[in-house]
Amino acid sequence: MLHALPRDGRLEYAEGLLMGYRGYDAGAVAPAFPFGHGLGYTTWAYEELTVASPAPGPGQDLLLRVRVRNTGPRPGREIVQAYAGRVPVSPGRPVRVLAAFAVAAAGPGEVAEVTLRIPDRVFAAYDEAAGWTWPPGEFAIWAGRSSRDLRLSERVRSG
């Protein structure tokens, strides 16, 4: 594992894109507290993930709808998180990235639905000569409570 130590007054991040939770995912390391985990006084069931827009591409964000149910005895709020990752994963690229999040609030037994907008650039790659490009390919979309507690998934094609 690489460590960020200052040398000559500079701090180099040799991990590149694989910092934090992205590095744990790439190295198959189980963190004590996954990125995005939270604590609350109720429990949640993730019931449905719906892709609500056409395929993503330049100027075309991806819209998702996620339905959750408060299965606990108290009212609560849940941060619904959406992650996206190219399938298969390219070398040196993250397995998944946090793409969007929204707050759902519901009383005991109630259902809440949130709409998440994943920006088009999540599906892009940067090329120094060409700038941002949208290579065609397949992406997995996950919805869940944290980077490691992903309860629903769908596939989309970009490009």
C-alpha atoms as a PDB file:
ATOM      1  CA  MET A   1       0.000   0.000   0.000  1.00  0.00           C
ATOM      2  CA  LEU A   2       1.321   3.444  -0.892  1.00  0.00           C
ATOM      3  CA  HIS A   3       1.586   6.182   1.689  1.00  0.00           C
ATOM      4  CA  ALA A   4       1.400   9.900   1.044  1.00  0.00           C
ATOM      5  CA  LEU A   5       4.506  11.360   2.685  1.00  0.00           C
ATOM      6  CA  PRO A   6       5.780  14.874   1.942  1.00  0.00           C
ATOM      7  CA  ARG A   7       9.173  15.098   0.220  1.00  0.00           C
ATOM      8  CA  ASP A   8      10.898  18.437  -0.271  1.00  0.00           C
ATOM      9  CA  GLY A   9       7.698  20.242   0.693  1.00  0.00           C
ATOM     10  CA  ARG A  10       5.561  18.405  -1.879  1.00  0.00           C
ATOM     11  CA  LEU A  11       2.928  15.755  -1.335  1.00  0.00           C
ATOM     12  CA  GLU A  12       2.611  13.321  -4.223  1.00  0.00           C
ATOM     13  CA  TYR A  13      -0.455  11.133  -4.534  1.00  0.00           C
ATOM     14  CA  ALA A  14       0.963   8.123  -6.352  1.00  0.00           C
ATOM     15  CA  GLU A  15      -2.340   6.238  -6.011  1.00  0.00           C
ATOM     16  CA  GLY A  16      -3.843   8.230  -8.883  1.00  0.00           C
ATOM     17  CA  LEU A  17      -7.554   7.529  -9.117  1.00  0.00           C
ATOM     18  CA  LEU A  18      -7.370   4.661  -6.624  1.00  0.00           C
ATOM     19  CA  MET A  19      -7.502   6.735  -3.438  1.00  0.00           C
ATOM     20  CA  GLY A  20      -9.720   6.041  -0.426  1.00  0.00           C
ATOM     21  CA  TYR A  21     -12.639   3.668  -0.996  1.00  0.00           C
ATOM     22  CA  ARG A  22     -11.589   3.260  -4.646  1.00  0.00           C
ATOM     23  CA  GLY A  23      -8.243   1.832  -3.518  1.00  0.00           C
ATOM     24  CA  TYR A  24      -9.902  -0.507  -1.023  1.00  0.00           C
ATOM     25  CA  ASP A  25     -12.201  -1.786  -3.784  1.00  0.00           C
ATOM     26  CA  ALA A  26      -9.312  -2.259  -6.241  1.00  0.00           C
ATOM     27  CA  GLY A  27      -7.253  -4.116  -3.621  1.00  0.00           C
ATOM     28  CA  ALA A  28     -10.220  -6.172  -2.339  1.00  0.00           C
ATOM     29  CA  VAL A  29      -9.589  -4.814   1.177  1.00  0.00           C
ATOM     30  CA  ALA A  30     -12.500  -4.784   3.633  1.00  0.00           C
ATOM     31  CA  PRO A  31     -12.512  -1.427   5.470  1.00  0.00           C
ATOM     32  CA  ALA A  32     -13.731  -1.179   9.065  1.00  0.00           C
ATOM     33  CA  PHE A  33     -16.187   1.558   8.040  1.00  0.00           C
ATOM     34  CA  PRO A  34     -17.040   1.698   4.314  1.00  0.00           C
ATOM     35  CA  PHE A  35     -17.261   5.035   2.539  1.00  0.00           C
ATOM     36  CA  GLY A  36     -20.736   6.520   2.982  1.00  0.00           C
ATOM     37  CA  HIS A  37     -21.804   4.312   5.878  1.00  0.00           C
ATOM     38  CA  GLY A  38     -24.109   5.939   8.343  1.00  0.00           C
ATOM     39  CA  LEU A  39     -25.906   5.237  11.566  1.00  0.00           C
ATOM     40  CA  GLY A  40     -29.581   5.710  12.275  1.00  0.00           C
ATOM     41  CA  TYR A  41     -32.423   4.631  14.479  1.00  0.00           C
ATOM     42  CA  THR A  42     -34.336   2.632  11.887  1.00  0.00           C
ATOM     43  CA  THR A  43     -33.758   0.073   9.136  1.00  0.00           C
ATOM     44  CA  TRP A  44     -34.345   0.266   5.388  1.00  0.00           C
ATOM     45  CA  ALA A  45     -35.255  -2.137   2.590  1.00  0.00           C
ATOM     46  CA  TYR A  46     -34.153  -1.207  -0.916  1.00  0.00           C
ATOM     47  CA  GLU A  47     -37.034  -2.310  -3.119  1.00  0.00           C
ATOM     48  CA  GLU A  48     -36.489  -1.072  -6.661  1.00  0.00           C
ATOM     49  CA  LEU A  49     -33.940   0.637  -8.909  1.00  0.00           C
ATOM     50  CA  THR A  50     -35.306   1.980 -12.201  1.00  0.00           C
ATOM     51  CA  VAL A  51     -33.305   3.573 -15.002  1.00  0.00           C
ATOM     52  CA  ALA A  52     -35.573   6.477 -15.959  1.00  0.00           C
ATOM     53  CA  SER A  53     -33.750   7.975 -18.955  1.00  0.00           C
ATOM     54  CA  PRO A  54     -32.111   6.885 -22.216  1.00  0.00           C
ATOM     55  CA  ALA A  55     -28.495   5.724 -22.392  1.00  0.00           C
ATOM     56  CA  PRO A  56     -25.964   8.239 -21.073  1.00  0.00           C
ATOM     57  CA  GLY A  57     -23.668  10.179 -23.376  1.00  0.00           C
ATOM     58  CA  PRO A  58     -22.396  13.707 -24.064  1.00  0.00           C
ATOM     59  CA  GLY A  59     -24.925  16.116 -22.580  1.00  0.00           C
ATOM     60  CA  GLN A  60     -27.194  13.241 -21.506  1.00  0.00           C
ATOM     61  CA  ASP A  61     -27.227  12.566 -17.759  1.00  0.00           C
ATOM     62  CA  LEU A  62     -28.634   9.282 -16.462  1.00  0.00           C
ATOM     63  CA  LEU A  63     -31.748   9.509 -14.276  1.00  0.00           C
ATOM     64  CA  LEU A  64     -32.507   6.808 -11.719  1.00  0.00           C
ATOM     65  CA  ARG A  65     -35.410   6.236  -9.385  1.00  0.00           C
ATOM     66  CA  VAL A  66     -34.847   4.266  -6.193  1.00  0.00           C
ATOM     67  CA  ARG A  67     -37.656   3.109  -3.939  1.00  0.00           C
ATOM     68  CA  VAL A  68     -36.855   2.374  -0.293  1.00  0.00           C
ATOM     69  CA  ARG A  69     -39.061   1.311   2.618  1.00  0.00           C
ATOM     70  CA  ASN A  70     -38.570   2.168   6.279  1.00  0.00           C
ATOM     71  CA  THR A  71     -38.762  -1.275   7.898  1.00  0.00           C
ATOM     72  CA  GLY A  72     -37.996  -0.059  11.406  1.00  0.00           C
ATOM     73  CA  PRO A  73     -40.134   1.228  14.279  1.00  0.00           C
ATOM     74  CA  ARG A  74     -39.174   4.928  13.981  1.00  0.00           C
ATOM     75  CA  PRO A  75     -39.271   7.688  11.383  1.00  0.00           C
ATOM     76  CA  GLY A  76     -35.930   8.140   9.682  1.00  0.00           C
ATOM     77  CA  ARG A  77     -33.808   9.506   6.872  1.00  0.00           C
ATOM     78  CA  GLU A  78     -31.642   7.479   4.529  1.00  0.00           C
ATOM     79  CA  ILE A  79     -28.883   8.688   2.213  1.00  0.00           C
ATOM     80  CA  VAL A  80     -29.474   6.673  -0.956  1.00  0.00           C
ATOM     81  CA  GLN A  81     -26.189   6.395  -2.847  1.00  0.00           C
ATOM     82  CA  ALA A  82     -25.650   5.487  -6.506  1.00  0.00           C
ATOM     83  CA  TYR A  83     -22.337   4.150  -7.786  1.00  0.00           C
ATOM     84  CA  ALA A  84     -21.262   3.495 -11.373  1.00  0.00           C
ATOM     85  CA  GLY A  85     -18.472   1.366 -12.843  1.00  0.00           C
ATOM     86  CA  ARG A  86     -17.402   0.205 -16.297  1.00  0.00           C
ATOM     87  CA  VAL A  87     -17.838  -3.510 -17.028  1.00  0.00           C
ATOM     88  CA  PRO A  88     -15.266  -4.981 -17.252  1.00  0.00           C
ATOM     89  CA  VAL A  89     -13.061  -2.739 -15.109  1.00  0.00           C
ATOM     90  CA  SER A  90     -10.160  -1.173 -16.994  1.00  0.00           C
ATOM     91  CA  PRO A  91      -6.665  -1.486 -15.455  1.00  0.00           C
ATOM     92  CA  GLY A  92      -5.853   1.460 -13.174  1.00  0.00           C
ATOM     93  CA  ARG A  93      -9.506   2.564 -13.046  1.00  0.00           C
ATOM     94  CA  PRO A  94     -11.803   2.382 -10.014  1.00  0.00           C
ATOM     95  CA  VAL A  95     -14.177  -0.570  -9.669  1.00  0.00           C
ATOM     96  CA  ARG A  96     -16.943   1.956  -8.976  1.00  0.00           C
ATOM     97  CA  VAL A  97     -17.316   5.643  -8.218  1.00  0.00           C
ATOM     98  CA  LEU A  98     -19.886   7.537  -6.199  1.00  0.00           C
ATOM     99  CA  ALA A  99     -22.068   9.026  -8.917  1.00  0.00           C
ATOM    100  CA  ALA A 100     -25.046  10.564  -7.074  1.00  0.00           C
ATOM    101  CA  PHE A 101     -26.883  10.598  -3.767  1.00  0.00           C
ATOM    102  CA  ALA A 102     -30.199  11.813  -2.339  1.00  0.00           C
ATOM    103  CA  VAL A 103     -32.042  11.861   0.970  1.00  0.00           C
ATOM    104  CA  ALA A 104     -35.131   9.707   1.522  1.00  0.00           C
ATOM    105  CA  ALA A 105     -37.359  10.299   4.540  1.00  0.00           C
ATOM    106  CA  ALA A 106     -40.193   8.041   5.698  1.00  0.00           C
ATOM    107  CA  GLY A 107     -42.123   6.980   8.756  1.00  0.00           C
ATOM    108  CA  PRO A 108     -42.343   3.383   9.959  1.00  0.00           C
ATOM    109  CA  GLY A 109     -43.586   1.119   7.149  1.00  0.00           C
ATOM    110  CA  GLU A 110     -43.704   3.977   4.645  1.00  0.00           C
ATOM    111  CA  VAL A 111     -42.138   3.998   1.189  1.00  0.00           C
ATOM    112  CA  ALA A 112     -40.013   6.835  -0.173  1.00  0.00           C
ATOM    113  CA  GLU A 113     -38.793   7.281  -3.727  1.00  0.00           C
ATOM    114  CA  VAL A 114     -35.814   9.417  -4.715  1.00  0.00           C
ATOM    115  CA  THR A 115     -34.610  10.522  -8.128  1.00  0.00           C
ATOM    116  CA  LEU A 116     -30.865  10.561  -8.701  1.00  0.00           C
ATOM    117  CA  ARG A 117     -29.121  12.289 -11.601  1.00  0.00           C
ATOM    118  CA  ILE A 118     -25.794  10.758 -12.619  1.00  0.00           C
ATOM    119  CA  PRO A 119     -23.840  13.383 -14.602  1.00  0.00           C
ATOM    120  CA  ASP A 120     -22.802  12.446 -18.130  1.00  0.00           C
ATOM    121  CA  ARG A 121     -19.124  12.873 -17.253  1.00  0.00           C
ATOM    122  CA  VAL A 122     -19.245   9.801 -14.972  1.00  0.00           C
ATOM    123  CA  PHE A 123     -19.411   7.773 -18.213  1.00  0.00           C
ATOM    124  CA  ALA A 124     -16.607   9.712 -19.928  1.00  0.00           C
ATOM    125  CA  ALA A 125     -12.845   9.258 -20.081  1.00  0.00           C
ATOM    126  CA  TYR A 126     -10.297  12.051 -20.368  1.00  0.00           C
ATOM    127  CA  ASP A 127      -7.794  11.924 -23.202  1.00  0.00           C
ATOM    128  CA  GLU A 128      -5.048  14.573 -23.183  1.00  0.00           C
ATOM    129  CA  ALA A 129      -5.239  14.974 -26.958  1.00  0.00           C
ATOM    130  CA  ALA A 130      -9.015  14.768 -27.452  1.00  0.00           C
ATOM    131  CA  GLY A 131     -10.356  16.015 -24.092  1.00  0.00           C
ATOM    132  CA  TRP A 132     -13.460  14.326 -22.688  1.00  0.00           C
ATOM    133  CA  THR A 133     -14.670  11.366 -24.739  1.00  0.00           C
ATOM    134  CA  TRP A 134     -17.547   8.948 -24.241  1.00  0.00           C
ATOM    135  CA  PRO A 135     -16.287   5.538 -25.359  1.00  0.00           C
ATOM    136  CA  PRO A 136     -19.129   3.088 -25.881  1.00  0.00           C
ATOM    137  CA  GLY A 137     -19.447   0.345 -23.327  1.00  0.00           C
ATOM    138  CA  GLU A 138     -21.392  -1.225 -20.517  1.00  0.00           C
ATOM    139  CA  PHE A 139     -21.671   0.189 -17.005  1.00  0.00           C
ATOM    140  CA  ALA A 140     -23.010  -1.336 -13.808  1.00  0.00           C
ATOM    141  CA  ILE A 141     -25.143   0.977 -11.693  1.00  0.00           C
ATOM    142  CA  TRP A 142     -25.586   0.152  -8.018  1.00  0.00           C
ATOM    143  CA  ALA A 143     -27.794   1.707  -5.330  1.00  0.00           C
ATOM    144  CA  GLY A 144     -27.302   1.206  -1.626  1.00  0.00           C
ATOM    145  CA  ARG A 145     -26.325   2.496   1.795  1.00  0.00           C
ATOM    146  CA  SER A 146     -22.523   2.731   1.347  1.00  0.00           C
ATOM    147  CA  SER A 147     -19.712   1.810  -1.049  1.00  0.00           C
ATOM    148  CA  ARG A 148     -19.873  -1.778   0.255  1.00  0.00           C
ATOM    149  CA  ASP A 149     -23.597  -2.155   1.071  1.00  0.00           C
ATOM    150  CA  LEU A 150     -24.990  -2.072  -2.463  1.00  0.00           C
ATOM    151  CA  ARG A 151     -28.409  -3.676  -2.572  1.00  0.00           C
ATOM    152  CA  LEU A 152     -29.727  -3.050  -6.095  1.00  0.00           C
ATOM    153  CA  SER A 153     -28.081  -3.015  -9.519  1.00  0.00           C
ATOM    154  CA  GLU A 154     -28.801  -2.430 -13.194  1.00  0.00           C
ATOM    155  CA  ARG A 155     -26.720  -2.315 -16.378  1.00  0.00           C
ATOM    156  CA  VAL A 156     -26.651   0.526 -18.930  1.00  0.00           C
ATOM    157  CA  ARG A 157     -24.764   1.123 -22.176  1.00  0.00           C
ATOM    158  CA  SER A 158     -23.068   4.431 -22.941  1.00  0.00           C
ATOM    159  CA  GLY A 159     -21.818   6.005 -26.128  1.00  0.00           C
END
